[in-house]
């Protein structure tokens, strides 16, 4: 009997420990949570807040952020409890949106879980609007949580960049844009996928004489419908010191449309599947 009682006390102490570790982040006056100094990508997690319902539901939420790659990934985890039956615990599902601020300025945002641009090392005040649900059902809570996280991983050196010769489009006119795609790294290869897209439903049309580019095909076979407001270009000869140029004509009707650009590229690591990245290019506005 003494052995069984000692075991029960140990289990009870273990059940209380997670709640003790995750008190609300804004309820303390201590310094931000700081990742150990590192020269490689890393993830840092910190207590962010406690959500409570009217019928004993409780979710203890933590926020995690990663840095050191071109993107900063943010996610939320939670521990869910409900007092009926006593101390019932559940697996938690978390979703929502997040915003990261540094020195009071918004530097990144996105969905949970999801990436945003990594602005480099520093202390980030991360605020998230979260929806926590349990599996099985029993806990369903919404609220805002916050945590201050200090990331130490250096901002990675860009391997590709995109330039455009104009930044403004005019309604009722056709504008010629010249995009230049650069590769600066000796790692990887000369292949990349360059994409442009206008605002759907605005009537904007993107055309080019470049044989490497097409308006994407949509719909089930045998559909031949193509998206006139989008272009997809397969570049295969990008080399350091040898950029690639794509000339595009953007035709607007009476409605305005911006045109955004991005570049997807491979950075092969043997036969690893998930390598490479995405570079955001310039946005051409309308006015």
Foldseek 3Di string as FASTA:
>chain_A
DVVVVVVVVVVVVVLCVVVVQQAAQVVDDDDAAEDPADQAKDKDKHRWHWWADPQAKIKGKMKMWIDQEQKIWIAMAIWIFGCVVHGDTFHKDKWWKKFKDAPRHTDFIDIHGDITGHPFWDKIKMKTWMWMAGVVGDHTTTDMIIGIYTYNHGHDDDQKAKDKDAQEDEAQDKDKIKMKIAGADPFAAFKKKKKKFKDPPQPKFKDFPDPQKDFDADDDPPDRDGDRRMMIGITHGHDHVDIDMGMMMIHGHRGWIKMWMKMWGARDDDPDDDGTDMGTYDIRGYD
